[in-house]
């Protein structure tokens, strides 16, 4: 069993996220927006205000000047959701070149629920304890048996690129993931949402905690304008214009 690095945030039972490196922060966003070098004579309050203006009006390019490189370890089925965000540079652990490790995700009892009737992608509802225990037993059974078969094929000399196909998607994989702040915030906005699958949400939340430390003003603006803010359609604007003065409308938009 691979040990979780001391500087990592543990996710699920055997996974983790750790920030390997980052380039830039709030200063880099401001510098890019002003197309200048160094801090100049601007004040911290002005930097914060500029970042909030950029976020509010969706000027995304300056946020792309900040980059994060993460080392992550997650179940394969989580990785396949994760990789749908096609804006990052990725290098994943290869089962063609390396042998699989006996590390599988086994869900906790409190995460086992029924299929949601309202959300086709989600789950809800209390599952009886006997059924929860059966689910966990099945996870352990298929994980243990598939790894036994994989090991047997591997020892017999069967090509690793073929033998790996016998392994289920709750097997852990890992990768290095590098992304800019703009696209990373988009990822977090979708994957830390309450409607996202729990197993990927915990990884997104871990990444978010690093973003908050590296670029606190950008994170604050993102929360205020993207997560907790509101956007109005043309129809909604027309309704508001009938009830509020033009100056009030301008302040809201």
C-alpha atoms as a PDB file:
ATOM      1  CA  UNK A   1       0.000   0.000   0.000  1.00  0.00           C
ATOM      2  CA  UNK A   2       1.407   3.353  -1.052  1.00  0.00           C
ATOM      3  CA  UNK A   3       1.698   5.821   1.811  1.00  0.00           C
ATOM      4  CA  UNK A   4      -0.122   9.137   1.494  1.00  0.00           C
ATOM      5  CA  UNK A   5       2.454  11.967   1.296  1.00  0.00           C
ATOM      6  CA  UNK A   6       2.650  14.090   4.445  1.00  0.00           C
ATOM      7  CA  UNK A   7       1.918  17.290   2.522  1.00  0.00           C
ATOM      8  CA  UNK A   8      -1.181  15.842   0.820  1.00  0.00           C
ATOM      9  CA  UNK A   9      -4.881  16.086   1.626  1.00  0.00           C
ATOM     10  CA  UNK A  10      -6.367  12.623   2.043  1.00  0.00           C
ATOM     11  CA  UNK A  11      -9.376  11.888  -0.168  1.00  0.00           C
ATOM     12  CA  UNK A  12     -11.643   8.834   0.143  1.00  0.00           C
ATOM     13  CA  UNK A  13     -10.008   5.755   1.649  1.00  0.00           C
ATOM     14  CA  UNK A  14      -6.683   5.623  -0.221  1.00  0.00           C
ATOM     15  CA  UNK A  15      -6.602   8.732  -2.434  1.00  0.00           C
ATOM     16  CA  UNK A  16      -5.055  12.162  -2.034  1.00  0.00           C
ATOM     17  CA  UNK A  17      -4.410  15.555  -3.611  1.00  0.00           C
ATOM     18  CA  UNK A  18      -1.222  17.514  -3.068  1.00  0.00           C
ATOM     19  CA  UNK A  19      -0.015  20.730  -4.607  1.00  0.00           C
ATOM     20  CA  UNK A  20       3.356  20.021  -6.208  1.00  0.00           C
ATOM     21  CA  UNK A  21       3.991  23.486  -7.604  1.00  0.00           C
ATOM     22  CA  UNK A  22       2.265  26.737  -8.508  1.00  0.00           C
ATOM     23  CA  UNK A  23       3.136  29.760 -10.601  1.00  0.00           C
ATOM     24  CA  UNK A  24       1.818  33.181  -9.700  1.00  0.00           C
ATOM     25  CA  UNK A  25      -1.056  34.295  -7.507  1.00  0.00           C
ATOM     26  CA  UNK A  26      -3.146  37.417  -7.096  1.00  0.00           C
ATOM     27  CA  UNK A  27      -0.137  39.547  -8.098  1.00  0.00           C
ATOM     28  CA  UNK A  28       0.177  37.720 -11.414  1.00  0.00           C
ATOM     29  CA  UNK A  29      -3.477  38.346 -12.204  1.00  0.00           C
ATOM     30  CA  UNK A  30      -3.131  42.048 -11.513  1.00  0.00           C
ATOM     31  CA  UNK A  31       0.150  42.289 -13.402  1.00  0.00           C
ATOM     32  CA  UNK A  32      -1.333  40.650 -16.454  1.00  0.00           C
ATOM     33  CA  UNK A  33      -4.433  42.835 -16.384  1.00  0.00           C
ATOM     34  CA  UNK A  34      -2.330  45.991 -16.238  1.00  0.00           C
ATOM     35  CA  UNK A  35       0.175  44.671 -18.812  1.00  0.00           C
ATOM     36  CA  UNK A  36       3.023  45.936 -16.644  1.00  0.00           C
ATOM     37  CA  UNK A  37       5.915  44.598 -14.625  1.00  0.00           C
ATOM     38  CA  UNK A  38       6.060  44.545 -10.863  1.00  0.00           C
ATOM     39  CA  UNK A  39       3.607  45.934  -8.351  1.00  0.00           C
ATOM     40  CA  UNK A  40       4.248  49.571  -9.201  1.00  0.00           C
ATOM     41  CA  UNK A  41       2.571  52.047  -6.897  1.00  0.00           C
ATOM     42  CA  UNK A  42      -0.797  50.305  -6.682  1.00  0.00           C
ATOM     43  CA  UNK A  43      -2.254  49.546  -3.270  1.00  0.00           C
ATOM     44  CA  UNK A  44      -3.476  46.178  -2.052  1.00  0.00           C
ATOM     45  CA  UNK A  45      -7.052  47.484  -1.987  1.00  0.00           C
ATOM     46  CA  UNK A  46      -6.736  48.486  -5.636  1.00  0.00           C
ATOM     47  CA  UNK A  47      -5.425  45.027  -6.546  1.00  0.00           C
ATOM     48  CA  UNK A  48      -8.385  43.388  -4.817  1.00  0.00           C
ATOM     49  CA  UNK A  49     -10.797  45.732  -6.539  1.00  0.00           C
ATOM     50  CA  UNK A  50      -9.303  45.020  -9.953  1.00  0.00           C
ATOM     51  CA  UNK A  51      -9.513  41.256  -9.433  1.00  0.00           C
ATOM     52  CA  UNK A  52     -13.141  41.584  -8.384  1.00  0.00           C
ATOM     53  CA  UNK A  53     -13.854  43.699 -11.475  1.00  0.00           C
ATOM     54  CA  UNK A  54     -12.248  41.089 -13.725  1.00  0.00           C
ATOM     55  CA  UNK A  55     -14.216  38.258 -12.145  1.00  0.00           C
ATOM     56  CA  UNK A  56     -17.480  40.179 -12.181  1.00  0.00           C
ATOM     57  CA  UNK A  57     -17.205  41.055 -15.870  1.00  0.00           C
ATOM     58  CA  UNK A  58     -15.796  37.638 -16.830  1.00  0.00           C
ATOM     59  CA  UNK A  59     -12.434  38.839 -18.115  1.00  0.00           C
ATOM     60  CA  UNK A  60     -10.828  35.417 -17.881  1.00  0.00           C
ATOM     61  CA  UNK A  61      -7.401  35.830 -19.527  1.00  0.00           C
ATOM     62  CA  UNK A  62      -5.584  37.335 -16.501  1.00  0.00           C
ATOM     63  CA  UNK A  63      -6.657  34.356 -14.405  1.00  0.00           C
ATOM     64  CA  UNK A  64      -4.986  32.043 -16.912  1.00  0.00           C
ATOM     65  CA  UNK A  65      -1.608  33.483 -15.876  1.00  0.00           C
ATOM     66  CA  UNK A  66      -1.753  31.537 -12.594  1.00  0.00           C
ATOM     67  CA  UNK A  67      -0.990  27.813 -12.796  1.00  0.00           C
ATOM     68  CA  UNK A  68      -1.260  24.854 -10.430  1.00  0.00           C
ATOM     69  CA  UNK A  69       0.371  21.438 -10.667  1.00  0.00           C
ATOM     70  CA  UNK A  70      -1.207  18.706  -8.560  1.00  0.00           C
ATOM     71  CA  UNK A  71      -0.256  15.118  -7.780  1.00  0.00           C
ATOM     72  CA  UNK A  72      -3.492  13.194  -7.377  1.00  0.00           C
ATOM     73  CA  UNK A  73      -4.493   9.628  -6.649  1.00  0.00           C
ATOM     74  CA  UNK A  74      -8.070   8.549  -7.298  1.00  0.00           C
ATOM     75  CA  UNK A  75     -10.205   5.569  -8.422  1.00  0.00           C
ATOM     76  CA  UNK A  76     -10.288   5.081 -12.192  1.00  0.00           C
ATOM     77  CA  UNK A  77     -14.016   5.860 -12.417  1.00  0.00           C
ATOM     78  CA  UNK A  78     -13.334   9.233 -10.766  1.00  0.00           C
ATOM     79  CA  UNK A  79     -10.429   9.860 -13.137  1.00  0.00           C
ATOM     80  CA  UNK A  80     -12.706   9.252 -16.117  1.00  0.00           C
ATOM     81  CA  UNK A  81     -15.097  11.946 -14.904  1.00  0.00           C
ATOM     82  CA  UNK A  82     -12.174  14.226 -14.101  1.00  0.00           C
ATOM     83  CA  UNK A  83     -10.517  13.903 -17.511  1.00  0.00           C
ATOM     84  CA  UNK A  84     -13.626  15.209 -19.244  1.00  0.00           C
ATOM     85  CA  UNK A  85     -12.256  18.648 -18.347  1.00  0.00           C
ATOM     86  CA  UNK A  86      -9.972  18.865 -21.364  1.00  0.00           C
ATOM     87  CA  UNK A  87      -8.053  21.996 -20.367  1.00  0.00           C
ATOM     88  CA  UNK A  88      -5.181  20.465 -18.410  1.00  0.00           C
ATOM     89  CA  UNK A  89      -1.828  18.777 -19.008  1.00  0.00           C
ATOM     90  CA  UNK A  90      -1.912  15.231 -17.623  1.00  0.00           C
ATOM     91  CA  UNK A  91       0.538  12.394 -17.123  1.00  0.00           C
ATOM     92  CA  UNK A  92      -1.073   9.274 -15.657  1.00  0.00           C
ATOM     93  CA  UNK A  93       0.320   6.097 -14.101  1.00  0.00           C
ATOM     94  CA  UNK A  94       0.457   3.556 -16.946  1.00  0.00           C
ATOM     95  CA  UNK A  95      -0.599  -0.061 -16.523  1.00  0.00           C
ATOM     96  CA  UNK A  96       1.075  -0.856 -19.849  1.00  0.00           C
ATOM     97  CA  UNK A  97       4.507  -0.100 -18.389  1.00  0.00           C
ATOM     98  CA  UNK A  98       3.951  -0.719 -14.670  1.00  0.00           C
ATOM     99  CA  UNK A  99       2.176  -3.371 -12.651  1.00  0.00           C
ATOM    100  CA  UNK A 100      -1.103  -2.544 -10.952  1.00  0.00           C
ATOM    101  CA  UNK A 101      -1.119  -2.084  -7.193  1.00  0.00           C
ATOM    102  CA  UNK A 102      -3.609  -3.880  -4.990  1.00  0.00           C
ATOM    103  CA  UNK A 103      -5.450  -0.681  -4.112  1.00  0.00           C
ATOM    104  CA  UNK A 104      -9.199  -0.450  -4.654  1.00  0.00           C
ATOM    105  CA  UNK A 105     -11.827   2.033  -3.549  1.00  0.00           C
ATOM    106  CA  UNK A 106     -14.364   0.548  -1.132  1.00  0.00           C
ATOM    107  CA  UNK A 107     -17.240   2.955  -0.336  1.00  0.00           C
ATOM    108  CA  UNK A 108     -18.151   3.801   3.218  1.00  0.00           C
ATOM    109  CA  UNK A 109     -21.514   2.625   4.458  1.00  0.00           C
ATOM    110  CA  UNK A 110     -22.889   6.185   4.692  1.00  0.00           C
ATOM    111  CA  UNK A 111     -22.175   6.783   0.982  1.00  0.00           C
ATOM    112  CA  UNK A 112     -24.307   3.874  -0.226  1.00  0.00           C
ATOM    113  CA  UNK A 113     -27.719   5.127  -1.331  1.00  0.00           C
ATOM    114  CA  UNK A 114     -30.408   4.297  -3.874  1.00  0.00           C
ATOM    115  CA  UNK A 115     -30.570   5.735  -7.375  1.00  0.00           C
ATOM    116  CA  UNK A 116     -32.178   9.186  -7.197  1.00  0.00           C
ATOM    117  CA  UNK A 117     -35.547   9.494  -8.943  1.00  0.00           C
ATOM    118  CA  UNK A 118     -35.025  13.231  -9.432  1.00  0.00           C
ATOM    119  CA  UNK A 119     -31.397  13.211 -10.555  1.00  0.00           C
ATOM    120  CA  UNK A 120     -30.484  10.522 -13.085  1.00  0.00           C
ATOM    121  CA  UNK A 121     -26.794  11.006 -12.256  1.00  0.00           C
ATOM    122  CA  UNK A 122     -27.155  11.014  -8.478  1.00  0.00           C
ATOM    123  CA  UNK A 123     -28.218   9.019  -5.461  1.00  0.00           C
ATOM    124  CA  UNK A 124     -30.529   9.531  -2.492  1.00  0.00           C
ATOM    125  CA  UNK A 125     -32.543   7.621   0.070  1.00  0.00           C
ATOM    126  CA  UNK A 126     -31.680   5.378   2.975  1.00  0.00           C
ATOM    127  CA  UNK A 127     -30.506   1.874   2.122  1.00  0.00           C
ATOM    128  CA  UNK A 128     -31.118  -0.956   4.625  1.00  0.00           C
ATOM    129  CA  UNK A 129     -28.020  -2.058   6.511  1.00  0.00           C
ATOM    130  CA  UNK A 130     -28.145  -5.592   5.126  1.00  0.00           C
ATOM    131  CA  UNK A 131     -28.060  -4.233   1.568  1.00  0.00           C
ATOM    132  CA  UNK A 132     -25.222  -1.832   2.447  1.00  0.00           C
ATOM    133  CA  UNK A 133     -23.212  -4.738   3.815  1.00  0.00           C
ATOM    134  CA  UNK A 134     -23.887  -6.721   0.651  1.00  0.00           C
ATOM    135  CA  UNK A 135     -22.660  -3.827  -1.525  1.00  0.00           C
ATOM    136  CA  UNK A 136     -19.437  -3.565   0.475  1.00  0.00           C
ATOM    137  CA  UNK A 137     -18.967  -7.355   0.336  1.00  0.00           C
ATOM    138  CA  UNK A 138     -19.395  -7.292  -3.454  1.00  0.00           C
ATOM    139  CA  UNK A 139     -16.878  -4.457  -3.800  1.00  0.00           C
ATOM    140  CA  UNK A 140     -14.339  -6.408  -1.757  1.00  0.00           C
ATOM    141  CA  UNK A 141     -15.090  -9.663  -3.560  1.00  0.00           C
ATOM    142  CA  UNK A 142     -14.698  -8.301  -7.088  1.00  0.00           C
ATOM    143  CA  UNK A 143     -11.621  -6.291  -6.119  1.00  0.00           C
ATOM    144  CA  UNK A 144      -9.841  -9.250  -4.513  1.00  0.00           C
ATOM    145  CA  UNK A 145     -10.805 -11.743  -7.211  1.00  0.00           C
ATOM    146  CA  UNK A 146      -9.941  -9.477 -10.148  1.00  0.00           C
ATOM    147  CA  UNK A 147      -6.518  -8.735  -8.672  1.00  0.00           C
ATOM    148  CA  UNK A 148      -5.880 -12.452  -8.147  1.00  0.00           C
ATOM    149  CA  UNK A 149      -6.677 -13.103 -11.821  1.00  0.00           C
ATOM    150  CA  UNK A 150      -4.595 -10.116 -12.925  1.00  0.00           C
ATOM    151  CA  UNK A 151      -1.626 -11.338 -10.873  1.00  0.00           C
ATOM    152  CA  UNK A 152      -1.995 -14.844 -12.308  1.00  0.00           C
ATOM    153  CA  UNK A 153      -2.001 -13.533 -15.893  1.00  0.00           C
ATOM    154  CA  UNK A 154       0.899 -11.214 -15.128  1.00  0.00           C
ATOM    155  CA  UNK A 155       3.008 -14.024 -13.670  1.00  0.00           C
ATOM    156  CA  UNK A 156       2.180 -16.187 -16.697  1.00  0.00           C
ATOM    157  CA  UNK A 157       3.720 -13.549 -18.909  1.00  0.00           C
ATOM    158  CA  UNK A 158       0.535 -12.215 -20.498  1.00  0.00           C
ATOM    159  CA  UNK A 159       1.102  -8.670 -21.765  1.00  0.00           C
ATOM    160  CA  UNK A 160       0.322  -6.085 -19.104  1.00  0.00           C
ATOM    161  CA  UNK A 161      -1.592  -3.950 -21.603  1.00  0.00           C
ATOM    162  CA  UNK A 162      -4.064  -6.828 -21.980  1.00  0.00           C
ATOM    163  CA  UNK A 163      -4.086  -8.190 -18.425  1.00  0.00           C
ATOM    164  CA  UNK A 164      -5.040  -4.765 -17.062  1.00  0.00           C
ATOM    165  CA  UNK A 165      -8.429  -5.018 -18.795  1.00  0.00           C
ATOM    166  CA  UNK A 166      -9.542  -7.550 -16.187  1.00  0.00           C
ATOM    167  CA  UNK A 167      -9.362  -4.920 -13.413  1.00  0.00           C
ATOM    168  CA  UNK A 168     -12.486  -2.964 -12.355  1.00  0.00           C
ATOM    169  CA  UNK A 169     -12.796   0.820 -12.372  1.00  0.00           C
ATOM    170  CA  UNK A 170     -12.589   1.134  -8.577  1.00  0.00           C
ATOM    171  CA  UNK A 171      -8.829   0.433  -8.932  1.00  0.00           C
ATOM    172  CA  UNK A 172      -6.750   3.440  -7.921  1.00  0.00           C
ATOM    173  CA  UNK A 173      -4.705   5.345 -10.455  1.00  0.00           C
ATOM    174  CA  UNK A 174      -2.673   8.527 -10.093  1.00  0.00           C
ATOM    175  CA  UNK A 175      -1.462  11.407 -12.207  1.00  0.00           C
ATOM    176  CA  UNK A 176       0.105  14.817 -12.349  1.00  0.00           C
ATOM    177  CA  UNK A 177      -2.443  17.423 -13.369  1.00  0.00           C
ATOM    178  CA  UNK A 178      -1.436  20.962 -14.412  1.00  0.00           C
ATOM    179  CA  UNK A 179      -4.023  23.631 -15.094  1.00  0.00           C
ATOM    180  CA  UNK A 180      -4.452  27.404 -15.082  1.00  0.00           C
ATOM    181  CA  UNK A 181      -6.595  29.160 -12.497  1.00  0.00           C
ATOM    182  CA  UNK A 182      -9.413  30.123 -14.864  1.00  0.00           C
ATOM    183  CA  UNK A 183     -10.042  26.540 -15.967  1.00  0.00           C
ATOM    184  CA  UNK A 184      -9.389  25.164 -12.506  1.00  0.00           C
ATOM    185  CA  UNK A 185     -12.126  27.390 -11.077  1.00  0.00           C
ATOM    186  CA  UNK A 186     -14.467  26.122 -13.782  1.00  0.00           C
ATOM    187  CA  UNK A 187     -13.620  22.557 -12.729  1.00  0.00           C
ATOM    188  CA  UNK A 188     -14.224  23.366  -9.063  1.00  0.00           C
ATOM    189  CA  UNK A 189     -17.480  25.133  -9.860  1.00  0.00           C
ATOM    190  CA  UNK A 190     -18.851  21.959 -11.436  1.00  0.00           C
ATOM    191  CA  UNK A 191     -17.247  19.275  -9.270  1.00  0.00           C
ATOM    192  CA  UNK A 192     -17.615  20.915  -5.835  1.00  0.00           C
ATOM    193  CA  UNK A 193     -21.297  21.553  -6.502  1.00  0.00           C
ATOM    194  CA  UNK A 194     -23.728  19.648  -4.317  1.00  0.00           C
ATOM    195  CA  UNK A 195     -25.075  17.822  -7.386  1.00  0.00           C
ATOM    196  CA  UNK A 196     -21.657  16.400  -8.292  1.00  0.00           C
ATOM    197  CA  UNK A 197     -20.770  12.828  -7.387  1.00  0.00           C
ATOM    198  CA  UNK A 198     -19.403  12.569  -3.856  1.00  0.00           C
ATOM    199  CA  UNK A 199     -16.297  10.663  -4.909  1.00  0.00           C
ATOM    200  CA  UNK A 200     -15.050  13.446  -7.191  1.00  0.00           C
ATOM    201  CA  UNK A 201     -16.347  16.249  -4.982  1.00  0.00           C
ATOM    202  CA  UNK A 202     -13.893  15.452  -2.203  1.00  0.00           C
ATOM    203  CA  UNK A 203     -10.978  15.823  -4.626  1.00  0.00           C
ATOM    204  CA  UNK A 204     -12.351  19.090  -6.000  1.00  0.00           C
ATOM    205  CA  UNK A 205     -12.779  20.456  -2.466  1.00  0.00           C
ATOM    206  CA  UNK A 206      -9.164  19.555  -1.685  1.00  0.00           C
ATOM    207  CA  UNK A 207      -7.933  21.406  -4.779  1.00  0.00           C
ATOM    208  CA  UNK A 208     -10.105  24.382  -3.843  1.00  0.00           C
ATOM    209  CA  UNK A 209      -8.370  24.638  -0.465  1.00  0.00           C
ATOM    210  CA  UNK A 210      -5.034  25.107  -2.253  1.00  0.00           C
ATOM    211  CA  UNK A 211      -6.468  27.746  -4.602  1.00  0.00           C
ATOM    212  CA  UNK A 212      -7.743  29.692  -1.602  1.00  0.00           C
ATOM    213  CA  UNK A 213      -4.213  29.849  -0.171  1.00  0.00           C
ATOM    214  CA  UNK A 214      -2.381  30.713  -3.403  1.00  0.00           C
ATOM    215  CA  UNK A 215      -4.819  33.332  -4.743  1.00  0.00           C
ATOM    216  CA  UNK A 216      -7.101  34.468  -1.888  1.00  0.00           C
ATOM    217  CA  UNK A 217      -8.479  37.581  -3.637  1.00  0.00           C
ATOM    218  CA  UNK A 218      -9.295  35.607  -6.764  1.00  0.00           C
ATOM    219  CA  UNK A 219     -10.954  32.932  -4.638  1.00  0.00           C
ATOM    220  CA  UNK A 220     -12.987  35.543  -2.767  1.00  0.00           C
ATOM    221  CA  UNK A 221     -14.142  37.139  -6.033  1.00  0.00           C
ATOM    222  CA  UNK A 222     -14.978  33.739  -7.490  1.00  0.00           C
ATOM    223  CA  UNK A 223     -17.162  32.921  -4.488  1.00  0.00           C
ATOM    224  CA  UNK A 224     -18.944  36.280  -4.592  1.00  0.00           C
ATOM    225  CA  UNK A 225     -19.599  36.505  -8.319  1.00  0.00           C
ATOM    226  CA  UNK A 226     -19.521  32.960  -9.723  1.00  0.00           C
ATOM    227  CA  UNK A 227     -20.686  30.723  -6.876  1.00  0.00           C
ATOM    228  CA  UNK A 228     -22.988  32.921  -4.802  1.00  0.00           C
ATOM    229  CA  UNK A 229     -23.736  35.636  -7.354  1.00  0.00           C
ATOM    230  CA  UNK A 230     -26.674  35.852  -9.766  1.00  0.00           C
ATOM    231  CA  UNK A 231     -26.834  36.412 -13.504  1.00  0.00           C
ATOM    232  CA  UNK A 232     -29.934  37.885 -15.105  1.00  0.00           C
ATOM    233  CA  UNK A 233     -31.437  36.945 -18.457  1.00  0.00           C
ATOM    234  CA  UNK A 234     -32.865  39.586 -20.785  1.00  0.00           C
ATOM    235  CA  UNK A 235     -36.375  38.724 -19.623  1.00  0.00           C
ATOM    236  CA  UNK A 236     -35.369  39.114 -15.968  1.00  0.00           C
ATOM    237  CA  UNK A 237     -33.636  42.414 -16.735  1.00  0.00           C
ATOM    238  CA  UNK A 238     -36.828  43.737 -18.324  1.00  0.00           C
ATOM    239  CA  UNK A 239     -38.805  42.804 -15.227  1.00  0.00           C
ATOM    240  CA  UNK A 240     -36.268  44.546 -12.985  1.00  0.00           C
ATOM    241  CA  UNK A 241     -36.184  47.651 -15.176  1.00  0.00           C
ATOM    242  CA  UNK A 242     -39.903  48.147 -14.625  1.00  0.00           C
ATOM    243  CA  UNK A 243     -39.418  48.117 -10.854  1.00  0.00           C
ATOM    244  CA  UNK A 244     -36.056  49.818 -10.363  1.00  0.00           C
ATOM    245  CA  UNK A 245     -34.369  52.966 -11.640  1.00  0.00           C
ATOM    246  CA  UNK A 246     -31.817  52.728 -14.457  1.00  0.00           C
ATOM    247  CA  UNK A 247     -28.955  53.534 -12.084  1.00  0.00           C
ATOM    248  CA  UNK A 248     -30.001  50.691  -9.809  1.00  0.00           C
ATOM    249  CA  UNK A 249     -30.095  48.314 -12.754  1.00  0.00           C
ATOM    250  CA  UNK A 250     -26.577  49.336 -13.783  1.00  0.00           C
ATOM    251  CA  UNK A 251     -25.318  48.606 -10.271  1.00  0.00           C
ATOM    252  CA  UNK A 252     -26.846  45.149 -10.346  1.00  0.00           C
ATOM    253  CA  UNK A 253     -25.503  44.072 -13.741  1.00  0.00           C
END
